Amino acid sequence: MTLEIWINPACSKCRSAKADLDAAGIEYVERRYLDEPPTSAELTAVLARLGLEPWDIARPAESKEAGIAFPKDAAHRADWIEALVDNPRAIQRPIITASDGTTAVARDPETVAALIERG
């Protein structure tokens, strides 16, 4: 199974997730998503794999700072996606995607451990 982890190196949760993957000997591709933001298509695919809406993965403080304040409804879904693509700091992190379709917002050690177990 191949993993990709979207990280911000300044984020302690991202560093922790990477350390857990490294300790388990799991190979992964690191994507510094602030330097290489996801495209709308990539973010849409990740949301589908997560079973979430874009506002579900929006960081509240960063969204507010970026002026992202659309209603949380289907009519504004595309606006949310574009706003998150344009302001990647507002996306929750880390997000880990696996080649088997498994995808998670891995903000806690239990979620990372579950991904490692699937490995």
N, C-alpha and C. Protein backbone atom coordinates (compact mmCIF):
# COMPACT_ATOMS: atom_id res chain seq x y z
N MET A 1 0.86 -1.18 0.00
CA MET A 1 0.00 0.00 0.00
C MET A 1 0.90 1.23 0.00
N THR A 2 0.60 2.16 -0.87
CA THR A 2 1.33 3.41 -0.96
C THR A 2 0.56 4.50 -0.23
N LEU A 3 1.25 5.29 0.56
CA LEU A 3 0.62 6.39 1.30
C LEU A 3 1.17 7.72 0.83
N GLU A 4 0.30 8.73 0.86
CA GLU A 4 0.72 10.11 0.67
C GLU A 4 0.20 10.87 1.88
N ILE A 5 1.06 11.71 2.45
CA ILE A 5 0.66 12.50 3.60
C ILE A 5 0.81 13.98 3.26
N TRP A 6 -0.30 14.70 3.41
CA TRP A 6 -0.29 16.15 3.20
C TRP A 6 0.09 16.77 4.54
N ILE A 7 1.21 17.50 4.53
CA ILE A 7 1.69 18.05 5.79
C ILE A 7 2.07 19.52 5.69
N ASN A 8 2.11 20.13 6.86
CA ASN A 8 2.74 21.43 7.08
C ASN A 8 3.85 21.11 8.06
N PRO A 9 5.13 21.26 7.67
CA PRO A 9 6.23 20.89 8.56
C PRO A 9 6.20 21.62 9.91
N ALA A 10 5.55 22.76 9.99
CA ALA A 10 5.48 23.51 11.24
C ALA A 10 4.43 22.94 12.20
N CYS A 11 3.63 21.99 11.74
CA CYS A 11 2.52 21.44 12.53
C CYS A 11 2.98 20.25 13.36
N SER A 12 2.74 20.32 14.65
CA SER A 12 3.16 19.23 15.55
C SER A 12 2.41 17.94 15.24
N LYS A 13 1.15 18.01 14.87
CA LYS A 13 0.38 16.80 14.55
C LYS A 13 0.93 16.13 13.28
N CYS A 14 1.39 16.95 12.33
CA CYS A 14 1.99 16.40 11.12
C CYS A 14 3.32 15.71 11.45
N ARG A 15 4.13 16.36 12.26
CA ARG A 15 5.41 15.76 12.65
C ARG A 15 5.19 14.46 13.41
N SER A 16 4.18 14.43 14.27
CA SER A 16 3.87 13.23 15.04
C SER A 16 3.42 12.10 14.12
N ALA A 17 2.55 12.41 13.16
CA ALA A 17 2.08 11.39 12.22
C ALA A 17 3.24 10.83 11.41
N LYS A 18 4.13 11.70 10.94
CA LYS A 18 5.30 11.25 10.18
C LYS A 18 6.19 10.36 11.05
N ALA A 19 6.40 10.76 12.30
CA ALA A 19 7.23 9.96 13.21
C ALA A 19 6.63 8.58 13.42
N ASP A 20 5.32 8.50 13.56
CA ASP A 20 4.65 7.21 13.73
C ASP A 20 4.81 6.33 12.49
N LEU A 21 4.65 6.94 11.31
CA LEU A 21 4.83 6.19 10.07
C LEU A 21 6.28 5.72 9.93
N ASP A 22 7.22 6.60 10.26
CA ASP A 22 8.64 6.24 10.19
C ASP A 22 8.96 5.10 11.15
N ALA A 23 8.46 5.19 12.38
CA ALA A 23 8.72 4.16 13.39
C ALA A 23 8.17 2.81 12.97
N ALA A 24 7.08 2.83 12.21
CA ALA A 24 6.46 1.58 11.74
C ALA A 24 7.11 1.07 10.45
N GLY A 25 8.03 1.86 9.90
CA GLY A 25 8.69 1.47 8.67
C GLY A 25 7.81 1.58 7.45
N ILE A 26 6.80 2.42 7.53
CA ILE A 26 5.86 2.62 6.42
C ILE A 26 6.45 3.64 5.45
N GLU A 27 6.49 3.28 4.18
CA GLU A 27 6.95 4.22 3.16
C GLU A 27 5.79 5.13 2.76
N TYR A 28 6.11 6.38 2.51
CA TYR A 28 5.08 7.33 2.13
C TYR A 28 5.71 8.45 1.31
N VAL A 29 4.83 9.14 0.61
CA VAL A 29 5.22 10.34 -0.13
C VAL A 29 4.74 11.53 0.69
N GLU A 30 5.64 12.43 0.94
CA GLU A 30 5.31 13.63 1.71
C GLU A 30 4.95 14.75 0.74
N ARG A 31 3.80 15.35 0.99
CA ARG A 31 3.38 16.50 0.17
C ARG A 31 3.21 17.70 1.08
N ARG A 32 4.04 18.66 0.87
CA ARG A 32 3.93 19.91 1.64
C ARG A 32 2.87 20.76 0.95
N TYR A 33 1.67 20.58 1.42
CA TYR A 33 0.52 21.12 0.69
C TYR A 33 0.42 22.64 0.72
N LEU A 34 1.20 23.31 1.55
CA LEU A 34 1.24 24.77 1.47
C LEU A 34 2.09 25.20 0.28
N ASP A 35 3.12 24.41 -0.05
CA ASP A 35 3.97 24.69 -1.21
C ASP A 35 3.36 24.16 -2.50
N GLU A 36 2.64 23.07 -2.38
CA GLU A 36 2.00 22.43 -3.54
C GLU A 36 0.53 22.16 -3.19
N PRO A 37 -0.30 23.22 -3.22
CA PRO A 37 -1.71 23.06 -2.84
C PRO A 37 -2.43 22.05 -3.74
N PRO A 38 -3.41 21.38 -3.18
CA PRO A 38 -4.20 20.46 -4.01
C PRO A 38 -4.99 21.25 -5.05
N THR A 39 -5.24 20.59 -6.16
CA THR A 39 -6.13 21.18 -7.16
C THR A 39 -7.57 20.97 -6.69
N SER A 40 -8.49 21.63 -7.33
CA SER A 40 -9.90 21.41 -7.00
C SER A 40 -10.28 19.94 -7.18
N ALA A 41 -9.78 19.33 -8.25
CA ALA A 41 -10.08 17.93 -8.51
C ALA A 41 -9.49 17.03 -7.42
N GLU A 42 -8.27 17.31 -7.00
CA GLU A 42 -7.65 16.50 -5.94
C GLU A 42 -8.41 16.64 -4.63
N LEU A 43 -8.76 17.87 -4.28
CA LEU A 43 -9.48 18.09 -3.03
C LEU A 43 -10.86 17.45 -3.09
N THR A 44 -11.52 17.54 -4.22
CA THR A 44 -12.83 16.91 -4.39
C THR A 44 -12.71 15.39 -4.22
N ALA A 45 -11.67 14.81 -4.79
CA ALA A 45 -11.46 13.36 -4.67
C ALA A 45 -11.19 12.96 -3.22
N VAL A 46 -10.37 13.74 -2.52
CA VAL A 46 -10.08 13.45 -1.11
C VAL A 46 -11.35 13.56 -0.28
N LEU A 47 -12.15 14.58 -0.53
CA LEU A 47 -13.41 14.73 0.21
C LEU A 47 -14.33 13.53 -0.02
N ALA A 48 -14.38 13.06 -1.27
CA ALA A 48 -15.22 11.90 -1.57
C ALA A 48 -14.72 10.67 -0.82
N ARG A 49 -13.40 10.49 -0.78
CA ARG A 49 -12.82 9.35 -0.08
C ARG A 49 -13.06 9.46 1.43
N LEU A 50 -13.04 10.68 1.94
CA LEU A 50 -13.29 10.90 3.37
C LEU A 50 -14.78 10.79 3.72
N GLY A 51 -15.63 11.03 2.72
CA GLY A 51 -17.06 11.08 2.98
C GLY A 51 -17.44 12.36 3.72
N LEU A 52 -16.69 13.43 3.46
CA LEU A 52 -16.91 14.70 4.15
C LEU A 52 -17.18 15.82 3.17
N GLU A 53 -17.65 16.92 3.70
CA GLU A 53 -17.85 18.14 2.93
C GLU A 53 -16.65 19.06 3.16
N PRO A 54 -16.41 20.01 2.27
CA PRO A 54 -15.23 20.86 2.43
C PRO A 54 -15.19 21.62 3.76
N TRP A 55 -16.36 22.06 4.25
CA TRP A 55 -16.37 22.79 5.52
C TRP A 55 -16.01 21.89 6.70
N ASP A 56 -16.13 20.56 6.49
CA ASP A 56 -15.77 19.62 7.55
C ASP A 56 -14.26 19.55 7.77
N ILE A 57 -13.48 19.88 6.73
CA ILE A 57 -12.02 19.83 6.86
C ILE A 57 -11.40 21.22 6.91
N ALA A 58 -12.23 22.23 7.10
CA ALA A 58 -11.74 23.61 7.19
C ALA A 58 -11.34 23.91 8.63
N ARG A 59 -10.14 24.46 8.80
CA ARG A 59 -9.68 24.89 10.11
C ARG A 59 -10.38 26.21 10.43
N PRO A 60 -11.12 26.28 11.52
CA PRO A 60 -11.93 27.48 11.81
C PRO A 60 -11.15 28.80 11.86
N ALA A 61 -10.08 28.86 12.59
CA ALA A 61 -9.34 30.13 12.73
C ALA A 61 -8.75 30.57 11.39
N GLU A 62 -8.13 29.62 10.69
CA GLU A 62 -7.52 29.96 9.41
C GLU A 62 -8.57 30.32 8.36
N SER A 63 -9.72 29.65 8.41
CA SER A 63 -10.81 29.98 7.49
C SER A 63 -11.29 31.40 7.74
N LYS A 64 -11.45 31.75 8.99
CA LYS A 64 -11.89 33.10 9.35
C LYS A 64 -10.88 34.13 8.88
N GLU A 65 -9.59 33.86 9.13
CA GLU A 65 -8.53 34.77 8.70
C GLU A 65 -8.55 34.97 7.19
N ALA A 66 -8.85 33.90 6.45
CA ALA A 66 -8.88 33.96 4.98
C ALA A 66 -10.19 34.54 4.44
N GLY A 67 -11.13 34.81 5.34
CA GLY A 67 -12.41 35.36 4.90
C GLY A 67 -13.34 34.33 4.30
N ILE A 68 -13.12 33.07 4.63
CA ILE A 68 -13.97 31.99 4.11
C ILE A 68 -15.19 31.90 5.03
N ALA A 69 -16.31 32.36 4.52
CA ALA A 69 -17.52 32.41 5.36
C ALA A 69 -18.78 32.07 4.57
N PHE A 70 -18.66 31.11 3.70
CA PHE A 70 -19.81 30.71 2.90
C PHE A 70 -20.78 29.87 3.74
N PRO A 71 -22.04 29.89 3.37
CA PRO A 71 -22.97 28.96 4.02
C PRO A 71 -22.49 27.52 3.80
N LYS A 72 -22.76 26.67 4.76
CA LYS A 72 -22.36 25.27 4.69
C LYS A 72 -23.50 24.47 4.07
N ASP A 73 -23.60 24.60 2.73
CA ASP A 73 -24.66 23.90 2.01
C ASP A 73 -24.20 23.53 0.61
N ALA A 74 -24.96 22.68 -0.02
CA ALA A 74 -24.59 22.16 -1.35
C ALA A 74 -24.42 23.27 -2.37
N ALA A 75 -25.20 24.33 -2.26
CA ALA A 75 -25.12 25.43 -3.22
C ALA A 75 -23.77 26.14 -3.16
N HIS A 76 -23.07 26.04 -2.03
CA HIS A 76 -21.79 26.74 -1.87
C HIS A 76 -20.61 25.79 -1.78
N ARG A 77 -20.84 24.52 -2.07
CA ARG A 77 -19.77 23.52 -1.97
C ARG A 77 -18.58 23.88 -2.85
N ALA A 78 -18.83 24.25 -4.09
CA ALA A 78 -17.74 24.61 -5.01
C ALA A 78 -16.99 25.84 -4.52
N ASP A 79 -17.71 26.79 -3.92
CA ASP A 79 -17.05 27.98 -3.36
C ASP A 79 -16.08 27.58 -2.24
N TRP A 80 -16.52 26.67 -1.39
CA TRP A 80 -15.66 26.18 -0.31
C TRP A 80 -14.41 25.51 -0.86
N ILE A 81 -14.60 24.66 -1.85
CA ILE A 81 -13.46 23.94 -2.43
C ILE A 81 -12.47 24.93 -3.02
N GLU A 82 -12.94 25.86 -3.80
CA GLU A 82 -12.03 26.86 -4.40
C GLU A 82 -11.33 27.69 -3.33
N ALA A 83 -12.06 28.07 -2.29
CA ALA A 83 -11.47 28.87 -1.22
C ALA A 83 -10.38 28.08 -0.49
N LEU A 84 -10.60 26.78 -0.27
CA LEU A 84 -9.59 25.96 0.39
C LEU A 84 -8.37 25.75 -0.50
N VAL A 85 -8.58 25.59 -1.80
CA VAL A 85 -7.47 25.46 -2.74
C VAL A 85 -6.65 26.76 -2.74
N ASP A 86 -7.35 27.88 -2.71
CA ASP A 86 -6.66 29.18 -2.72
C ASP A 86 -6.02 29.52 -1.38
N ASN A 87 -6.49 28.89 -0.31
CA ASN A 87 -5.99 29.16 1.04
C ASN A 87 -5.71 27.83 1.74
N PRO A 88 -4.68 27.10 1.31
CA PRO A 88 -4.46 25.75 1.84
C PRO A 88 -4.18 25.71 3.35
N ARG A 89 -3.76 26.82 3.95
CA ARG A 89 -3.57 26.84 5.41
C ARG A 89 -4.87 26.52 6.14
N ALA A 90 -5.99 26.74 5.47
CA ALA A 90 -7.29 26.51 6.09
C ALA A 90 -7.73 25.05 6.05
N ILE A 91 -6.93 24.17 5.42
CA ILE A 91 -7.27 22.75 5.35
C ILE A 91 -6.70 22.03 6.57
N GLN A 92 -7.53 21.19 7.19
CA GLN A 92 -7.07 20.37 8.32
C GLN A 92 -5.87 19.54 7.88
N ARG A 93 -5.02 19.23 8.82
CA ARG A 93 -3.82 18.45 8.53
C ARG A 93 -3.48 17.57 9.72
N PRO A 94 -2.73 16.54 9.47
CA PRO A 94 -2.34 15.96 8.18
C PRO A 94 -3.48 15.13 7.59
N ILE A 95 -3.48 15.04 6.28
CA ILE A 95 -4.40 14.15 5.57
C ILE A 95 -3.54 13.06 4.96
N ILE A 96 -3.91 11.82 5.24
CA ILE A 96 -3.18 10.68 4.70
C ILE A 96 -4.11 9.94 3.74
N THR A 97 -3.60 9.70 2.53
CA THR A 97 -4.35 8.93 1.54
C THR A 97 -3.56 7.67 1.23
N ALA A 98 -4.27 6.60 1.02
CA ALA A 98 -3.64 5.32 0.70
C ALA A 98 -4.12 4.84 -0.65
N SER A 99 -3.25 4.07 -1.30
CA SER A 99 -3.59 3.57 -2.63
C SER A 99 -4.79 2.63 -2.63
N ASP A 100 -5.16 2.10 -1.46
CA ASP A 100 -6.33 1.22 -1.41
C ASP A 100 -7.64 2.00 -1.24
N GLY A 101 -7.55 3.34 -1.25
CA GLY A 101 -8.74 4.17 -1.12
C GLY A 101 -8.95 4.72 0.27
N THR A 102 -8.26 4.16 1.25
CA THR A 102 -8.37 4.65 2.62
C THR A 102 -7.82 6.08 2.69
N THR A 103 -8.56 6.94 3.35
CA THR A 103 -8.14 8.33 3.52
C THR A 103 -8.60 8.78 4.88
N ALA A 104 -7.74 9.56 5.56
CA ALA A 104 -8.11 10.03 6.89
C ALA A 104 -7.46 11.36 7.20
N VAL A 105 -8.17 12.15 7.98
CA VAL A 105 -7.56 13.32 8.61
C VAL A 105 -6.95 12.75 9.88
N ALA A 106 -5.62 12.66 9.88
CA ALA A 106 -4.91 11.91 10.91
C ALA A 106 -4.37 12.82 12.01
N ARG A 107 -5.27 13.47 12.72
CA ARG A 107 -4.88 14.43 13.75
C ARG A 107 -4.58 13.77 15.09
N ASP A 108 -4.84 12.47 15.21
CA ASP A 108 -4.59 11.82 16.49
C ASP A 108 -3.83 10.52 16.26
N PRO A 109 -3.08 10.07 17.25
CA PRO A 109 -2.27 8.86 17.09
C PRO A 109 -3.10 7.61 16.78
N GLU A 110 -4.33 7.54 17.26
CA GLU A 110 -5.18 6.37 17.00
C GLU A 110 -5.51 6.23 15.52
N THR A 111 -5.75 7.35 14.85
CA THR A 111 -6.07 7.31 13.43
C THR A 111 -4.84 6.87 12.64
N VAL A 112 -3.68 7.39 12.99
CA VAL A 112 -2.44 6.99 12.32
C VAL A 112 -2.20 5.50 12.57
N ALA A 113 -2.39 5.04 13.79
CA ALA A 113 -2.18 3.63 14.12
C ALA A 113 -3.11 2.74 13.29
N ALA A 114 -4.35 3.16 13.12
CA ALA A 114 -5.29 2.37 12.32
C ALA A 114 -4.83 2.27 10.86
N LEU A 115 -4.28 3.35 10.33
CA LEU A 115 -3.75 3.33 8.97
C LEU A 115 -2.54 2.41 8.88
N ILE A 116 -1.69 2.45 9.89
CA ILE A 116 -0.51 1.59 9.90
C ILE A 116 -0.92 0.12 9.94
N GLU A 117 -1.93 -0.19 10.74
CA GLU A 117 -2.41 -1.57 10.85
C GLU A 117 -2.93 -2.10 9.52
N ARG A 118 -3.52 -1.21 8.71
CA ARG A 118 -4.06 -1.61 7.40
C ARG A 118 -2.93 -1.91 6.43
N GLY A 119 -1.76 -1.25 6.68
CA GLY A 119 -0.61 -1.28 5.81
C GLY A 119 -0.14 -2.61 5.39
